[in-house]
Amino acid sequence: MKKPVAANWFERVYNFLANMGLVLRDDPPKVIDMKGRLWGEAADGLALSIRELPRDDDGRVTGISVVVRNAGIQPRTLNGPLAACYEVEGLARSAYGRQLVVSTPRAAPELVMLSAGGAIETELPIATIYEMRSSGNYNLRVSCKLPEGAALRSNELSVRV
């Protein structure tokens, strides 16, 4: 059954306001696709994995999915935000990426709770925040030094631009 035009318009406006952070919406929990993921070596009970996000256009990299998984048997509490600790090895930050690091206010650390086997995902728009102008293959690896001291390295990923 097709929604009435007024209901469709209201839904679009409400979603827009929710995306802007002006209203609260109870979104369903995000499900992380763990199928077929390759993992870097575990350190301090944590492991890091990267893979390319689906492309909108064959010639344009959308980004990469970065997942931290609790490979241990005990629940873990991490001091975040985790996205701030990710570095793509071997790539220089773009002008936008450098400005993003300088202009982003330092938020108070947030606690990230990971149950045993639990994971958290971050999507990084690498073609925006890193220099990837030349066409060809880029071999990527993401590293992360957590405030607790663990140094994580992901699996290697080849991305064609």
C-alpha atoms as a PDB file:
ATOM      1  CA  MET A   1       0.000   0.000   0.000  1.00  0.00           C
ATOM      2  CA  LYS A   2       1.370   3.409  -0.969  1.00  0.00           C
ATOM      3  CA  LYS A   3       1.777   6.016   1.796  1.00  0.00           C
ATOM      4  CA  PRO A   4      -0.208   9.244   1.482  1.00  0.00           C
ATOM      5  CA  VAL A   5       1.865  12.168   0.177  1.00  0.00           C
ATOM      6  CA  ALA A   6       1.503  14.118   3.456  1.00  0.00           C
ATOM      7  CA  ALA A   7       2.803  11.159   5.521  1.00  0.00           C
ATOM      8  CA  ASN A   8       5.752  10.681   3.151  1.00  0.00           C
ATOM      9  CA  TRP A   9       6.612  14.403   3.376  1.00  0.00           C
ATOM     10  CA  PHE A  10       6.408  14.350   7.184  1.00  0.00           C
ATOM     11  CA  GLU A  11       8.650  11.281   7.356  1.00  0.00           C
ATOM     12  CA  ARG A  12      11.288  12.945   5.143  1.00  0.00           C
ATOM     13  CA  VAL A  13      11.258  16.144   7.228  1.00  0.00           C
ATOM     14  CA  TYR A  14      11.388  14.192  10.510  1.00  0.00           C
ATOM     15  CA  ASN A  15      14.311  12.062   9.248  1.00  0.00           C
ATOM     16  CA  PHE A  16      16.117  15.223   8.128  1.00  0.00           C
ATOM     17  CA  LEU A  17      15.668  16.812  11.571  1.00  0.00           C
ATOM     18  CA  ALA A  18      16.843  13.588  13.267  1.00  0.00           C
ATOM     19  CA  ASN A  19      19.956  13.457  11.079  1.00  0.00           C
ATOM     20  CA  MET A  20      20.708  17.061  12.033  1.00  0.00           C
ATOM     21  CA  GLY A  21      20.411  16.129  15.720  1.00  0.00           C
ATOM     22  CA  LEU A  22      17.435  18.415  16.279  1.00  0.00           C
ATOM     23  CA  VAL A  23      14.985  15.676  17.265  1.00  0.00           C
ATOM     24  CA  LEU A  24      15.472  12.235  18.787  1.00  0.00           C
ATOM     25  CA  ARG A  25      14.471   9.098  16.995  1.00  0.00           C
ATOM     26  CA  ASP A  26      14.633   5.518  18.218  1.00  0.00           C
ATOM     27  CA  ASP A  27      16.651   3.907  15.429  1.00  0.00           C
ATOM     28  CA  PRO A  28      16.955   0.136  15.350  1.00  0.00           C
ATOM     29  CA  PRO A  29      20.364  -1.087  16.539  1.00  0.00           C
ATOM     30  CA  LYS A  30      22.939  -1.333  13.760  1.00  0.00           C
ATOM     31  CA  VAL A  31      23.878  -4.876  12.820  1.00  0.00           C
ATOM     32  CA  ILE A  32      27.547  -5.337  11.906  1.00  0.00           C
ATOM     33  CA  ASP A  33      28.164  -7.709   9.005  1.00  0.00           C
ATOM     34  CA  MET A  34      30.919 -10.006  10.322  1.00  0.00           C
ATOM     35  CA  LYS A  35      30.639 -12.562   7.519  1.00  0.00           C
ATOM     36  CA  GLY A  36      33.901 -13.098   5.649  1.00  0.00           C
ATOM     37  CA  ARG A  37      35.870 -10.465   7.578  1.00  0.00           C
ATOM     38  CA  LEU A  38      39.625 -10.801   7.846  1.00  0.00           C
ATOM     39  CA  TRP A  39      41.229  -9.729  11.117  1.00  0.00           C
ATOM     40  CA  GLY A  40      44.549  -8.299  12.182  1.00  0.00           C
ATOM     41  CA  GLU A  41      46.523  -9.856  14.985  1.00  0.00           C
ATOM     42  CA  ALA A  42      44.762  -9.622  18.348  1.00  0.00           C
ATOM     43  CA  ALA A  43      46.358  -7.403  20.996  1.00  0.00           C
ATOM     44  CA  ASP A  44      45.195  -7.211  24.589  1.00  0.00           C
ATOM     45  CA  GLY A  45      42.082  -9.224  23.700  1.00  0.00           C
ATOM     46  CA  LEU A  46      41.023  -6.884  20.858  1.00  0.00           C
ATOM     47  CA  ALA A  47      41.198  -7.338  17.090  1.00  0.00           C
ATOM     48  CA  LEU A  48      40.780  -4.864  14.208  1.00  0.00           C
ATOM     49  CA  SER A  49      39.289  -5.536  10.767  1.00  0.00           C
ATOM     50  CA  ILE A  50      38.797  -3.371   7.671  1.00  0.00           C
ATOM     51  CA  ARG A  51      36.960  -3.836   4.412  1.00  0.00           C
ATOM     52  CA  GLU A  52      35.711  -1.597   1.652  1.00  0.00           C
ATOM     53  CA  LEU A  53      32.191  -0.229   1.824  1.00  0.00           C
ATOM     54  CA  PRO A  54      29.933  -0.816  -1.200  1.00  0.00           C
ATOM     55  CA  ARG A  55      30.605   1.745  -3.936  1.00  0.00           C
ATOM     56  CA  ASP A  56      27.970   4.102  -5.278  1.00  0.00           C
ATOM     57  CA  ASP A  57      30.005   4.480  -8.465  1.00  0.00           C
ATOM     58  CA  ASP A  58      32.645   2.070  -9.831  1.00  0.00           C
ATOM     59  CA  GLY A  59      35.265   4.827 -10.062  1.00  0.00           C
ATOM     60  CA  ARG A  60      34.705   6.325  -6.612  1.00  0.00           C
ATOM     61  CA  VAL A  61      35.726   4.833  -3.270  1.00  0.00           C
ATOM     62  CA  THR A  62      32.953   5.308  -0.718  1.00  0.00           C
ATOM     63  CA  GLY A  63      35.042   4.449   2.321  1.00  0.00           C
ATOM     64  CA  ILE A  64      36.049   1.588   4.566  1.00  0.00           C
ATOM     65  CA  SER A  65      34.371  -0.176   7.448  1.00  0.00           C
ATOM     66  CA  VAL A  66      36.586  -0.453  10.548  1.00  0.00           C
ATOM     67  CA  VAL A  67      35.497  -2.943  13.212  1.00  0.00           C
ATOM     68  CA  VAL A  68      37.017  -3.449  16.664  1.00  0.00           C
ATOM     69  CA  ARG A  69      36.064  -6.816  18.175  1.00  0.00           C
ATOM     70  CA  ASN A  70      36.483  -8.076  21.703  1.00  0.00           C
ATOM     71  CA  ALA A  71      38.243 -11.378  21.005  1.00  0.00           C
ATOM     72  CA  GLY A  72      38.459 -12.179  24.713  1.00  0.00           C
ATOM     73  CA  ILE A  73      36.027 -13.912  27.039  1.00  0.00           C
ATOM     74  CA  GLN A  74      35.589 -10.976  29.450  1.00  0.00           C
ATOM     75  CA  PRO A  75      33.544  -7.817  28.739  1.00  0.00           C
ATOM     76  CA  ARG A  76      35.681  -4.741  27.938  1.00  0.00           C
ATOM     77  CA  THR A  77      35.170  -1.033  28.484  1.00  0.00           C
ATOM     78  CA  LEU A  78      37.137   1.198  26.126  1.00  0.00           C
ATOM     79  CA  ASN A  79      37.653   4.922  26.412  1.00  0.00           C
ATOM     80  CA  GLY A  80      36.556   6.404  23.078  1.00  0.00           C
ATOM     81  CA  PRO A  81      35.870   7.959  20.724  1.00  0.00           C
ATOM     82  CA  LEU A  82      37.546   5.203  18.732  1.00  0.00           C
ATOM     83  CA  ALA A  83      37.372   7.025  15.383  1.00  0.00           C
ATOM     84  CA  ALA A  84      39.865   9.584  16.700  1.00  0.00           C
ATOM     85  CA  CYS A  85      42.558   6.920  17.147  1.00  0.00           C
ATOM     86  CA  TYR A  86      42.361   5.368  13.638  1.00  0.00           C
ATOM     87  CA  GLU A  87      45.232   6.058  11.241  1.00  0.00           C
ATOM     88  CA  VAL A  88      45.462   4.681   7.716  1.00  0.00           C
ATOM     89  CA  GLU A  89      49.096   3.619   7.337  1.00  0.00           C
ATOM     90  CA  GLY A  90      50.988   4.815   4.293  1.00  0.00           C
ATOM     91  CA  LEU A  91      48.565   7.593   3.305  1.00  0.00           C
ATOM     92  CA  ALA A  92      48.965  11.293   3.988  1.00  0.00           C
ATOM     93  CA  ARG A  93      45.953  13.248   5.172  1.00  0.00           C
ATOM     94  CA  SER A  94      44.311  15.520   2.635  1.00  0.00           C
ATOM     95  CA  ALA A  95      43.975  19.256   3.344  1.00  0.00           C
ATOM     96  CA  TYR A  96      40.449  18.528   4.557  1.00  0.00           C
ATOM     97  CA  GLY A  97      41.702  15.656   6.762  1.00  0.00           C
ATOM     98  CA  ARG A  98      44.385  17.864   8.338  1.00  0.00           C
ATOM     99  CA  GLN A  99      41.850  20.625   8.986  1.00  0.00           C
ATOM    100  CA  LEU A 100      39.426  18.099  10.458  1.00  0.00           C
ATOM    101  CA  VAL A 101      42.019  16.995  13.015  1.00  0.00           C
ATOM    102  CA  VAL A 102      42.849  20.603  13.967  1.00  0.00           C
ATOM    103  CA  SER A 103      39.299  21.950  14.098  1.00  0.00           C
ATOM    104  CA  THR A 104      37.523  19.024  15.772  1.00  0.00           C
ATOM    105  CA  PRO A 105      36.900  19.923  19.415  1.00  0.00           C
ATOM    106  CA  ARG A 106      38.232  17.422  21.923  1.00  0.00           C
ATOM    107  CA  ALA A 107      35.154  15.818  23.410  1.00  0.00           C
ATOM    108  CA  ALA A 108      35.108  14.204  26.788  1.00  0.00           C
ATOM    109  CA  PRO A 109      36.016  10.528  26.488  1.00  0.00           C
ATOM    110  CA  GLU A 110      33.030   8.299  25.939  1.00  0.00           C
ATOM    111  CA  LEU A 111      32.892   4.780  27.276  1.00  0.00           C
ATOM    112  CA  VAL A 112      32.397   1.984  24.763  1.00  0.00           C
ATOM    113  CA  MET A 113      31.146  -1.274  26.251  1.00  0.00           C
ATOM    114  CA  LEU A 114      32.039  -4.465  24.376  1.00  0.00           C
ATOM    115  CA  SER A 115      30.687  -7.776  25.585  1.00  0.00           C
ATOM    116  CA  ALA A 116      32.714 -10.933  24.986  1.00  0.00           C
ATOM    117  CA  GLY A 117      32.705 -11.355  21.202  1.00  0.00           C
ATOM    118  CA  GLY A 118      31.060  -7.935  20.811  1.00  0.00           C
ATOM    119  CA  ALA A 119      32.138  -5.421  18.189  1.00  0.00           C
ATOM    120  CA  ILE A 120      31.780  -1.773  17.215  1.00  0.00           C
ATOM    121  CA  GLU A 121      31.956  -0.401  13.671  1.00  0.00           C
ATOM    122  CA  THR A 122      33.083   2.948  12.288  1.00  0.00           C
ATOM    123  CA  GLU A 123      32.789   3.984   8.647  1.00  0.00           C
ATOM    124  CA  LEU A 124      35.739   6.095   7.459  1.00  0.00           C
ATOM    125  CA  PRO A 125      35.440   8.155   4.246  1.00  0.00           C
ATOM    126  CA  ILE A 126      39.103   7.542   3.358  1.00  0.00           C
ATOM    127  CA  ALA A 127      39.020   9.203  -0.073  1.00  0.00           C
ATOM    128  CA  THR A 128      37.912  12.425   1.631  1.00  0.00           C
ATOM    129  CA  ILE A 129      40.283  12.547   4.590  1.00  0.00           C
ATOM    130  CA  TYR A 130      43.338  10.958   2.914  1.00  0.00           C
ATOM    131  CA  GLU A 131      45.191  11.675  -0.344  1.00  0.00           C
ATOM    132  CA  MET A 132      43.966   9.143  -2.928  1.00  0.00           C
ATOM    133  CA  ARG A 133      43.998  11.201  -6.121  1.00  0.00           C
ATOM    134  CA  SER A 134      46.140   8.982  -8.342  1.00  0.00           C
ATOM    135  CA  SER A 135      44.425   6.025  -9.937  1.00  0.00           C
ATOM    136  CA  GLY A 136      45.767   2.600  -9.082  1.00  0.00           C
ATOM    137  CA  ASN A 137      45.847   0.147  -6.196  1.00  0.00           C
ATOM    138  CA  TYR A 138      46.263   1.296  -2.614  1.00  0.00           C
ATOM    139  CA  ASN A 139      47.260  -1.273  -0.001  1.00  0.00           C
ATOM    140  CA  LEU A 140      45.691  -0.092   3.225  1.00  0.00           C
ATOM    141  CA  ARG A 141      46.130  -1.063   6.837  1.00  0.00           C
ATOM    142  CA  VAL A 142      44.544   0.758   9.761  1.00  0.00           C
ATOM    143  CA  SER A 143      46.283   1.102  13.098  1.00  0.00           C
ATOM    144  CA  CYS A 144      44.922   2.328  16.389  1.00  0.00           C
ATOM    145  CA  LYS A 145      46.628   3.054  19.690  1.00  0.00           C
ATOM    146  CA  LEU A 146      43.993   2.874  22.391  1.00  0.00           C
ATOM    147  CA  PRO A 147      44.230   5.031  25.513  1.00  0.00           C
ATOM    148  CA  GLU A 148      44.616   1.820  27.533  1.00  0.00           C
ATOM    149  CA  GLY A 149      47.920   1.166  25.706  1.00  0.00           C
ATOM    150  CA  ALA A 150      46.982  -1.591  23.244  1.00  0.00           C
ATOM    151  CA  ALA A 151      48.283  -1.047  19.709  1.00  0.00           C
ATOM    152  CA  LEU A 152      46.016  -2.646  17.113  1.00  0.00           C
ATOM    153  CA  ARG A 153      46.703  -3.268  13.420  1.00  0.00           C
ATOM    154  CA  SER A 154      44.092  -4.405  10.939  1.00  0.00           C
ATOM    155  CA  ASN A 155      44.285  -6.852   8.101  1.00  0.00           C
ATOM    156  CA  GLU A 156      45.638  -5.484   4.797  1.00  0.00           C
ATOM    157  CA  LEU A 157      43.131  -4.341   2.191  1.00  0.00           C
ATOM    158  CA  SER A 158      43.757  -3.510  -1.448  1.00  0.00           C
ATOM    159  CA  VAL A 159      41.534  -0.729  -2.804  1.00  0.00           C
ATOM    160  CA  ARG A 160      41.481   0.229  -6.486  1.00  0.00           C
ATOM    161  CA  VAL A 161      40.916   3.880  -7.334  1.00  0.00           C
END
